[in-house]
Amino acid sequence: MSTRIAWIVLIAATAFFAAAGCSSAQIVALGASATAGYGLPSSESFPSQLQAMLQARGSATQVTNAGVSGETTSQILSRVDSSVPEGTRIVILSLFMLNDGHHGVSPAMHRANVASIQQRLRARHIRIVDASGLIMAAAKAGLLQRDGLHLTAEGNRRVAAGLMASLR
């Protein structure tokens, strides 16, 4: 009988810790190089800076950077379910046409992929926050690296600060 109880306790503990691990990614930033923080240390990407800002305010919310430089919206669509684990409450999207255009993806297919990504997230009752406007505003303010495409650390800080306002 004690062996049976030990197994039940072990199974319950395993289920508890598995569930706790699944809910650790409460916010996921999903996109390509603008999300990944291309050309910068990972700590200077907007998801990392957002995480630091949330922690500074005493929040236990976790921000996961699921940005992969160079990806197209088709590639992001193919990994959306694996990149956004159970327990995610908010997904921050930054999905631009640039990589799609380099790979011959039409604007219509780009829009269809973005719509499919959003549809999958909404079906899971995940709130979507679009960071594209904040990224474009930082780029227009001249906060770009030498490549003229990717944000500087300050540009990413501004995006993170703008997202803080959206997340309240």
N, C-alpha and C. Protein backbone atom coordinates (compact mmCIF):
# COMPACT_ATOMS: atom_id res chain seq x y z
N MET A 1 0.81 -1.18 0.00
CA MET A 1 0.00 0.00 0.00
C MET A 1 0.86 1.26 0.00
N SER A 2 1.95 1.28 0.77
CA SER A 2 2.80 2.47 0.82
C SER A 2 3.48 2.72 -0.53
N THR A 3 3.78 1.68 -1.28
CA THR A 3 4.37 1.84 -2.61
C THR A 3 3.37 2.53 -3.54
N ARG A 4 2.12 2.14 -3.43
CA ARG A 4 1.08 2.75 -4.25
C ARG A 4 0.93 4.23 -3.92
N ILE A 5 0.94 4.58 -2.66
CA ILE A 5 0.84 5.99 -2.23
C ILE A 5 2.06 6.77 -2.73
N ALA A 6 3.22 6.17 -2.66
CA ALA A 6 4.43 6.84 -3.14
C ALA A 6 4.31 7.14 -4.64
N TRP A 7 3.77 6.18 -5.40
CA TRP A 7 3.59 6.41 -6.84
C TRP A 7 2.58 7.53 -7.10
N ILE A 8 1.51 7.56 -6.34
CA ILE A 8 0.49 8.61 -6.50
C ILE A 8 1.10 9.97 -6.19
N VAL A 9 1.87 10.06 -5.11
CA VAL A 9 2.53 11.32 -4.76
C VAL A 9 3.51 11.72 -5.86
N LEU A 10 4.28 10.77 -6.38
CA LEU A 10 5.24 11.06 -7.44
C LEU A 10 4.53 11.58 -8.70
N ILE A 11 3.44 10.92 -9.08
CA ILE A 11 2.69 11.34 -10.27
C ILE A 11 2.09 12.72 -10.06
N ALA A 12 1.52 12.97 -8.87
CA ALA A 12 0.93 14.28 -8.58
C ALA A 12 2.00 15.37 -8.60
N ALA A 13 3.16 15.09 -8.02
CA ALA A 13 4.25 16.08 -8.02
C ALA A 13 4.74 16.36 -9.43
N THR A 14 4.87 15.31 -10.23
CA THR A 14 5.30 15.48 -11.62
C THR A 14 4.31 16.33 -12.39
N ALA A 15 3.01 16.06 -12.21
CA ALA A 15 1.98 16.84 -12.89
C ALA A 15 2.01 18.30 -12.44
N PHE A 16 2.21 18.53 -11.15
CA PHE A 16 2.27 19.89 -10.62
C PHE A 16 3.43 20.66 -11.24
N PHE A 17 4.62 20.05 -11.22
CA PHE A 17 5.79 20.76 -11.75
C PHE A 17 5.72 20.92 -13.26
N ALA A 18 5.13 19.98 -13.97
CA ALA A 18 4.95 20.13 -15.41
C ALA A 18 4.00 21.28 -15.71
N ALA A 19 2.91 21.37 -14.94
CA ALA A 19 1.96 22.47 -15.14
C ALA A 19 2.61 23.81 -14.80
N ALA A 20 3.40 23.84 -13.76
CA ALA A 20 4.08 25.09 -13.39
C ALA A 20 5.05 25.51 -14.48
N GLY A 21 5.76 24.55 -15.06
CA GLY A 21 6.69 24.88 -16.14
C GLY A 21 5.99 25.39 -17.37
N CYS A 22 4.82 24.88 -17.67
CA CYS A 22 4.07 25.31 -18.86
C CYS A 22 3.59 26.74 -18.72
N SER A 23 3.30 27.17 -17.50
CA SER A 23 2.74 28.51 -17.35
C SER A 23 3.81 29.58 -17.16
N SER A 24 5.09 29.23 -17.24
CA SER A 24 6.14 30.21 -17.00
C SER A 24 6.26 31.23 -18.12
N ALA A 25 5.89 30.88 -19.33
CA ALA A 25 5.95 31.82 -20.45
C ALA A 25 4.60 32.50 -20.57
N GLN A 26 4.40 33.55 -19.80
CA GLN A 26 3.13 34.24 -19.79
C GLN A 26 3.01 35.21 -20.95
N ILE A 27 4.14 35.75 -21.40
CA ILE A 27 4.18 36.62 -22.58
C ILE A 27 5.23 36.04 -23.52
N VAL A 28 4.89 35.92 -24.79
CA VAL A 28 5.83 35.46 -25.80
C VAL A 28 5.92 36.53 -26.86
N ALA A 29 7.15 36.94 -27.20
CA ALA A 29 7.39 37.86 -28.32
C ALA A 29 7.73 36.99 -29.52
N LEU A 30 6.92 37.11 -30.58
CA LEU A 30 7.01 36.23 -31.73
C LEU A 30 7.30 37.06 -32.98
N GLY A 31 8.35 36.69 -33.69
CA GLY A 31 8.70 37.41 -34.91
C GLY A 31 10.04 36.96 -35.44
N ALA A 32 10.67 37.84 -36.21
CA ALA A 32 11.96 37.53 -36.83
C ALA A 32 13.05 38.39 -36.17
N SER A 33 13.91 39.00 -36.96
CA SER A 33 15.08 39.69 -36.42
C SER A 33 14.75 40.89 -35.54
N ALA A 34 13.67 41.60 -35.84
CA ALA A 34 13.29 42.74 -35.00
C ALA A 34 12.97 42.28 -33.59
N THR A 35 12.42 41.10 -33.45
CA THR A 35 12.11 40.53 -32.15
C THR A 35 13.36 39.92 -31.51
N ALA A 36 14.12 39.20 -32.30
CA ALA A 36 15.31 38.52 -31.79
C ALA A 36 16.36 39.49 -31.27
N GLY A 37 16.35 40.72 -31.81
CA GLY A 37 17.36 41.70 -31.41
C GLY A 37 18.63 41.56 -32.23
N TYR A 38 18.46 41.31 -33.51
CA TYR A 38 19.58 41.09 -34.42
C TYR A 38 20.68 42.14 -34.24
N GLY A 39 21.92 41.67 -34.17
CA GLY A 39 23.08 42.55 -34.08
C GLY A 39 23.39 43.06 -32.69
N LEU A 40 22.63 42.64 -31.71
CA LEU A 40 22.80 43.12 -30.33
C LEU A 40 22.92 41.94 -29.37
N PRO A 41 23.49 42.17 -28.19
CA PRO A 41 23.42 41.13 -27.16
C PRO A 41 21.96 40.84 -26.84
N SER A 42 21.64 39.62 -26.50
CA SER A 42 20.23 39.26 -26.25
C SER A 42 19.59 40.13 -25.18
N SER A 43 20.37 40.61 -24.25
CA SER A 43 19.83 41.46 -23.17
C SER A 43 19.33 42.81 -23.68
N GLU A 44 19.69 43.17 -24.91
CA GLU A 44 19.27 44.45 -25.46
C GLU A 44 18.11 44.33 -26.44
N SER A 45 17.57 43.13 -26.64
CA SER A 45 16.38 42.96 -27.48
C SER A 45 15.19 43.56 -26.73
N PHE A 46 14.12 43.90 -27.47
CA PHE A 46 12.98 44.48 -26.76
C PHE A 46 12.31 43.49 -25.81
N PRO A 47 12.25 42.18 -26.11
CA PRO A 47 11.65 41.28 -25.12
C PRO A 47 12.45 41.24 -23.81
N SER A 48 13.78 41.24 -23.91
CA SER A 48 14.61 41.23 -22.69
C SER A 48 14.46 42.53 -21.91
N GLN A 49 14.40 43.64 -22.63
CA GLN A 49 14.23 44.92 -21.94
C GLN A 49 12.85 45.03 -21.32
N LEU A 50 11.83 44.48 -22.00
CA LEU A 50 10.49 44.45 -21.42
C LEU A 50 10.48 43.61 -20.15
N GLN A 51 11.14 42.47 -20.18
CA GLN A 51 11.24 41.61 -18.99
C GLN A 51 11.87 42.39 -17.83
N ALA A 52 12.95 43.10 -18.10
CA ALA A 52 13.62 43.88 -17.06
C ALA A 52 12.71 44.97 -16.50
N MET A 53 11.96 45.63 -17.38
CA MET A 53 11.03 46.68 -16.93
C MET A 53 9.92 46.10 -16.07
N LEU A 54 9.40 44.95 -16.46
CA LEU A 54 8.36 44.31 -15.65
C LEU A 54 8.89 43.91 -14.28
N GLN A 55 10.09 43.33 -14.26
CA GLN A 55 10.70 42.93 -12.98
C GLN A 55 10.96 44.15 -12.10
N ALA A 56 11.39 45.26 -12.69
CA ALA A 56 11.65 46.47 -11.92
C ALA A 56 10.38 46.99 -11.26
N ARG A 57 9.24 46.67 -11.82
CA ARG A 57 7.94 47.08 -11.25
C ARG A 57 7.37 46.01 -10.33
N GLY A 58 8.15 44.96 -10.08
CA GLY A 58 7.73 43.93 -9.15
C GLY A 58 6.86 42.84 -9.75
N SER A 59 6.77 42.79 -11.07
CA SER A 59 5.95 41.77 -11.73
C SER A 59 6.73 40.46 -11.87
N ALA A 60 6.03 39.36 -11.67
CA ALA A 60 6.63 38.04 -11.86
C ALA A 60 6.38 37.51 -13.27
N THR A 61 5.77 38.33 -14.12
CA THR A 61 5.48 37.92 -15.49
C THR A 61 6.77 37.59 -16.23
N GLN A 62 6.75 36.48 -16.96
CA GLN A 62 7.90 36.06 -17.75
C GLN A 62 7.68 36.41 -19.21
N VAL A 63 8.72 36.95 -19.85
CA VAL A 63 8.68 37.28 -21.27
C VAL A 63 9.67 36.35 -21.98
N THR A 64 9.18 35.61 -22.95
CA THR A 64 10.02 34.71 -23.73
C THR A 64 10.24 35.30 -25.10
N ASN A 65 11.50 35.36 -25.53
CA ASN A 65 11.83 35.86 -26.86
C ASN A 65 11.81 34.69 -27.84
N ALA A 66 10.78 34.66 -28.69
CA ALA A 66 10.65 33.62 -29.71
C ALA A 66 10.90 34.23 -31.09
N GLY A 67 11.82 35.18 -31.15
CA GLY A 67 12.20 35.77 -32.42
C GLY A 67 13.34 34.99 -33.04
N VAL A 68 13.25 34.73 -34.35
CA VAL A 68 14.30 34.02 -35.07
C VAL A 68 14.66 34.85 -36.31
N SER A 69 15.87 35.37 -36.31
CA SER A 69 16.31 36.22 -37.42
C SER A 69 16.22 35.49 -38.75
N GLY A 70 15.74 36.21 -39.76
CA GLY A 70 15.69 35.69 -41.11
C GLY A 70 14.45 34.91 -41.47
N GLU A 71 13.60 34.64 -40.50
CA GLU A 71 12.43 33.82 -40.80
C GLU A 71 11.36 34.59 -41.57
N THR A 72 10.65 33.85 -42.39
CA THR A 72 9.49 34.37 -43.11
C THR A 72 8.24 34.13 -42.26
N THR A 73 7.15 34.76 -42.67
CA THR A 73 5.90 34.52 -41.94
C THR A 73 5.44 33.06 -42.09
N SER A 74 5.78 32.41 -43.19
CA SER A 74 5.45 30.98 -43.36
C SER A 74 6.17 30.14 -42.31
N GLN A 75 7.44 30.46 -42.07
CA GLN A 75 8.21 29.71 -41.07
C GLN A 75 7.69 29.99 -39.66
N ILE A 76 7.33 31.24 -39.41
CA ILE A 76 6.78 31.58 -38.09
C ILE A 76 5.45 30.87 -37.89
N LEU A 77 4.61 30.85 -38.93
CA LEU A 77 3.33 30.14 -38.86
C LEU A 77 3.54 28.66 -38.54
N SER A 78 4.56 28.06 -39.14
CA SER A 78 4.80 26.62 -38.92
C SER A 78 5.26 26.31 -37.50
N ARG A 79 5.78 27.30 -36.79
CA ARG A 79 6.25 27.03 -35.43
C ARG A 79 5.43 27.74 -34.35
N VAL A 80 4.35 28.41 -34.74
CA VAL A 80 3.61 29.20 -33.76
C VAL A 80 3.13 28.35 -32.58
N ASP A 81 2.65 27.16 -32.83
CA ASP A 81 2.15 26.33 -31.72
C ASP A 81 3.27 25.88 -30.79
N SER A 82 4.43 25.54 -31.35
CA SER A 82 5.54 25.10 -30.50
C SER A 82 6.26 26.26 -29.82
N SER A 83 6.17 27.44 -30.39
CA SER A 83 6.84 28.62 -29.80
C SER A 83 6.00 29.33 -28.75
N VAL A 84 4.71 29.02 -28.74
CA VAL A 84 3.80 29.66 -27.79
C VAL A 84 3.20 28.56 -26.91
N PRO A 85 3.85 28.30 -25.78
CA PRO A 85 3.41 27.18 -24.93
C PRO A 85 2.10 27.46 -24.21
N GLU A 86 1.51 26.39 -23.71
CA GLU A 86 0.32 26.52 -22.87
C GLU A 86 0.65 27.44 -21.70
N GLY A 87 -0.30 28.22 -21.29
CA GLY A 87 -0.09 29.17 -20.20
C GLY A 87 0.26 30.55 -20.68
N THR A 88 0.53 30.71 -21.97
CA THR A 88 0.83 32.03 -22.53
C THR A 88 -0.46 32.84 -22.54
N ARG A 89 -0.38 34.06 -22.00
CA ARG A 89 -1.55 34.92 -21.96
C ARG A 89 -1.51 35.99 -23.05
N ILE A 90 -0.29 36.43 -23.41
CA ILE A 90 -0.12 37.51 -24.38
C ILE A 90 0.98 37.12 -25.35
N VAL A 91 0.75 37.40 -26.64
CA VAL A 91 1.79 37.27 -27.65
C VAL A 91 2.00 38.64 -28.27
N ILE A 92 3.26 39.07 -28.27
CA ILE A 92 3.65 40.31 -28.92
C ILE A 92 4.14 39.94 -30.31
N LEU A 93 3.45 40.45 -31.34
CA LEU A 93 3.82 40.14 -32.72
C LEU A 93 4.57 41.30 -33.36
N SER A 94 5.57 40.95 -34.14
CA SER A 94 6.23 41.91 -35.03
C SER A 94 6.54 41.15 -36.32
N LEU A 95 5.63 41.28 -37.25
CA LEU A 95 5.71 40.50 -38.49
C LEU A 95 5.77 41.45 -39.68
N PHE A 96 6.95 41.59 -40.24
CA PHE A 96 7.16 42.52 -41.35
C PHE A 96 7.29 41.76 -42.67
N MET A 97 7.16 42.49 -43.76
CA MET A 97 7.20 41.93 -45.11
C MET A 97 8.62 41.71 -45.61
N LEU A 98 9.62 42.29 -44.97
CA LEU A 98 10.99 42.29 -45.50
C LEU A 98 11.51 40.89 -45.81
N ASN A 99 11.50 39.99 -44.85
CA ASN A 99 12.02 38.63 -45.10
C ASN A 99 11.17 37.90 -46.13
N ASP A 100 9.85 38.09 -46.06
CA ASP A 100 8.98 37.48 -47.06
C ASP A 100 9.36 37.95 -48.45
N GLY A 101 9.55 39.25 -48.60
CA GLY A 101 9.91 39.81 -49.91
C GLY A 101 11.21 39.25 -50.44
N HIS A 102 12.20 39.09 -49.56
CA HIS A 102 13.49 38.52 -49.97
C HIS A 102 13.35 37.08 -50.46
N HIS A 103 12.32 36.40 -49.99
CA HIS A 103 12.11 34.99 -50.37
C HIS A 103 11.00 34.82 -51.40
N GLY A 104 10.58 35.92 -52.01
CA GLY A 104 9.58 35.85 -53.08
C GLY A 104 8.15 35.63 -52.62
N VAL A 105 7.88 35.87 -51.36
CA VAL A 105 6.52 35.73 -50.84
C VAL A 105 5.74 36.99 -51.21
N SER A 106 4.59 36.80 -51.80
CA SER A 106 3.77 37.94 -52.22
C SER A 106 3.17 38.66 -51.01
N PRO A 107 2.83 39.95 -51.18
CA PRO A 107 2.14 40.65 -50.09
C PRO A 107 0.84 39.96 -49.68
N ALA A 108 0.12 39.39 -50.64
CA ALA A 108 -1.13 38.70 -50.31
C ALA A 108 -0.86 37.47 -49.43
N MET A 109 0.19 36.71 -49.75
CA MET A 109 0.54 35.54 -48.93
C MET A 109 1.03 35.98 -47.55
N HIS A 110 1.79 37.07 -47.50
CA HIS A 110 2.23 37.62 -46.22
C HIS A 110 1.02 37.92 -45.33
N ARG A 111 0.04 38.64 -45.89
CA ARG A 111 -1.16 38.99 -45.13
C ARG A 111 -1.92 37.73 -44.69
N ALA A 112 -1.99 36.74 -45.56
CA ALA A 112 -2.67 35.48 -45.22
C ALA A 112 -1.95 34.76 -44.09
N ASN A 113 -0.62 34.74 -44.12
CA ASN A 113 0.16 34.10 -43.05
C ASN A 113 -0.05 34.82 -41.73
N VAL A 114 0.00 36.15 -41.76
CA VAL A 114 -0.21 36.93 -40.54
C VAL A 114 -1.61 36.65 -39.99
N ALA A 115 -2.61 36.62 -40.86
CA ALA A 115 -3.98 36.34 -40.42
C ALA A 115 -4.08 34.94 -39.81
N SER A 116 -3.40 33.97 -40.39
CA SER A 116 -3.42 32.60 -39.85
C SER A 116 -2.75 32.52 -38.48
N ILE A 117 -1.63 33.23 -38.33
CA ILE A 117 -0.95 33.28 -37.02
C ILE A 117 -1.90 33.86 -35.98
N GLN A 118 -2.52 34.99 -36.31
CA GLN A 118 -3.44 35.64 -35.38
C GLN A 118 -4.64 34.74 -35.07
N GLN A 119 -5.16 34.06 -36.07
CA GLN A 119 -6.31 33.17 -35.88
C GLN A 119 -5.96 32.03 -34.91
N ARG A 120 -4.77 31.45 -35.07
CA ARG A 120 -4.36 30.37 -34.16
C ARG A 120 -4.26 30.86 -32.73
N LEU A 121 -3.70 32.05 -32.56
CA LEU A 121 -3.55 32.59 -31.22
C LEU A 121 -4.91 32.93 -30.60
N ARG A 122 -5.78 33.54 -31.39
CA ARG A 122 -7.12 33.88 -30.88
C ARG A 122 -7.91 32.62 -30.52
N ALA A 123 -7.74 31.56 -31.30
CA ALA A 123 -8.43 30.30 -31.00
C ALA A 123 -8.01 29.76 -29.64
N ARG A 124 -6.82 30.11 -29.21
CA ARG A 124 -6.32 29.69 -27.89
C ARG A 124 -6.59 30.74 -26.82
N HIS A 125 -7.35 31.78 -27.17
CA HIS A 125 -7.71 32.86 -26.25
C HIS A 125 -6.49 33.61 -25.73
N ILE A 126 -5.53 33.82 -26.62
CA ILE A 126 -4.31 34.55 -26.29
C ILE A 126 -4.45 35.97 -26.83
N ARG A 127 -4.20 36.94 -25.97
CA ARG A 127 -4.25 38.35 -26.37
C ARG A 127 -3.06 38.65 -27.28
N ILE A 128 -3.30 39.40 -28.34
CA ILE A 128 -2.26 39.75 -29.29
C ILE A 128 -1.97 41.25 -29.17
N VAL A 129 -0.69 41.57 -29.04
CA VAL A 129 -0.24 42.96 -29.03
C VAL A 129 0.71 43.12 -30.22
N ASP A 130 0.40 44.05 -31.09
CA ASP A 130 1.22 44.28 -32.28
C ASP A 130 2.30 45.33 -31.97
N ALA A 131 3.55 44.92 -32.07
CA ALA A 131 4.67 45.82 -31.80
C ALA A 131 5.18 46.52 -33.05
N SER A 132 4.61 46.22 -34.20
CA SER A 132 5.12 46.75 -35.47
C SER A 132 5.16 48.27 -35.50
N GLY A 133 4.10 48.91 -35.04
CA GLY A 133 4.07 50.38 -35.04
C GLY A 133 5.14 50.98 -34.16
N LEU A 134 5.37 50.37 -33.00
CA LEU A 134 6.41 50.86 -32.09
C LEU A 134 7.80 50.70 -32.71
N ILE A 135 8.00 49.58 -33.39
CA ILE A 135 9.29 49.33 -34.05
C ILE A 135 9.50 50.33 -35.17
N MET A 136 8.46 50.56 -35.96
CA MET A 136 8.56 51.53 -37.06
C MET A 136 8.81 52.95 -36.54
N ALA A 137 8.17 53.31 -35.45
CA ALA A 137 8.37 54.64 -34.86
C ALA A 137 9.82 54.81 -34.40
N ALA A 138 10.39 53.78 -33.78
CA ALA A 138 11.79 53.86 -33.35
C ALA A 138 12.72 53.94 -34.55
N ALA A 139 12.39 53.23 -35.63
CA ALA A 139 13.20 53.29 -36.84
C ALA A 139 13.13 54.68 -37.46
N LYS A 140 11.94 55.24 -37.52
CA LYS A 140 11.76 56.60 -38.07
C LYS A 140 12.47 57.65 -37.24
N ALA A 141 12.64 57.37 -35.94
CA ALA A 141 13.37 58.28 -35.06
C ALA A 141 14.88 58.16 -35.23
N GLY A 142 15.30 57.28 -36.15
CA GLY A 142 16.73 57.13 -36.43
C GLY A 142 17.47 56.19 -35.51
N LEU A 143 16.74 55.40 -34.73
CA LEU A 143 17.38 54.51 -33.76
C LEU A 143 17.71 53.16 -34.40
N LEU A 144 18.49 53.23 -35.48
CA LEU A 144 18.86 52.05 -36.24
C LEU A 144 20.35 51.78 -36.15
N GLN A 145 20.68 50.50 -36.25
CA GLN A 145 22.09 50.11 -36.32
C GLN A 145 22.65 50.53 -37.67
N ARG A 146 23.92 50.32 -37.86
CA ARG A 146 24.59 50.71 -39.11
C ARG A 146 23.99 50.09 -40.36
N ASP A 147 23.33 48.92 -40.20
CA ASP A 147 22.73 48.27 -41.36
C ASP A 147 21.49 49.00 -41.87
N GLY A 148 20.99 49.96 -41.10
CA GLY A 148 19.83 50.73 -41.50
C GLY A 148 18.52 49.97 -41.42
N LEU A 149 18.52 48.76 -40.86
CA LEU A 149 17.32 47.93 -40.79
C LEU A 149 16.90 47.57 -39.37
N HIS A 150 17.87 47.34 -38.52
CA HIS A 150 17.60 46.80 -37.19
C HIS A 150 17.80 47.86 -36.12
N LEU A 151 16.98 47.79 -35.09
CA LEU A 151 17.02 48.79 -34.03
C LEU A 151 18.27 48.67 -33.15
N THR A 152 18.68 49.82 -32.63
CA THR A 152 19.73 49.88 -31.63
C THR A 152 19.14 49.46 -30.28
N ALA A 153 19.98 49.36 -29.28
CA ALA A 153 19.51 49.04 -27.93
C ALA A 153 18.52 50.11 -27.46
N GLU A 154 18.79 51.36 -27.75
CA GLU A 154 17.87 52.44 -27.36
C GLU A 154 16.54 52.31 -28.09
N GLY A 155 16.58 51.95 -29.36
CA GLY A 155 15.35 51.73 -30.10
C GLY A 155 14.52 50.61 -29.48
N ASN A 156 15.18 49.54 -29.10
CA ASN A 156 14.49 48.42 -28.45
C ASN A 156 13.96 48.82 -27.08
N ARG A 157 14.69 49.69 -26.37
CA ARG A 157 14.22 50.18 -25.08
C ARG A 157 12.92 50.97 -25.27
N ARG A 158 12.87 51.78 -26.31
CA ARG A 158 11.64 52.55 -26.58
C ARG A 158 10.47 51.64 -26.94
N VAL A 159 10.76 50.59 -27.69
CA VAL A 159 9.70 49.63 -28.01
C VAL A 159 9.20 48.99 -26.72
N ALA A 160 10.11 48.55 -25.88
CA ALA A 160 9.73 47.92 -24.60
C ALA A 160 8.91 48.89 -23.73
N ALA A 161 9.33 50.15 -23.68
CA ALA A 161 8.59 51.14 -22.89
C ALA A 161 7.18 51.34 -23.46
N GLY A 162 7.06 51.37 -24.77
CA GLY A 162 5.76 51.49 -25.39
C GLY A 162 4.88 50.28 -25.11
N LEU A 163 5.50 49.10 -25.09
CA LEU A 163 4.75 47.88 -24.79
C LEU A 163 4.28 47.87 -23.34
N MET A 164 5.07 48.44 -22.45
CA MET A 164 4.65 48.51 -21.03
C MET A 164 3.31 49.21 -20.93
N ALA A 165 3.15 50.30 -21.68
CA ALA A 165 1.89 51.03 -21.66
C ALA A 165 0.74 50.18 -22.19
N SER A 166 1.02 49.35 -23.19
CA SER A 166 -0.01 48.48 -23.79
C SER A 166 -0.38 47.32 -22.88
N LEU A 167 0.52 46.92 -22.01
CA LEU A 167 0.29 45.74 -21.18
C LEU A 167 -0.41 46.05 -19.87
N ARG A 168 -0.55 47.31 -19.53
CA ARG A 168 -1.19 47.67 -18.25
C ARG A 168 -2.64 47.33 -18.24
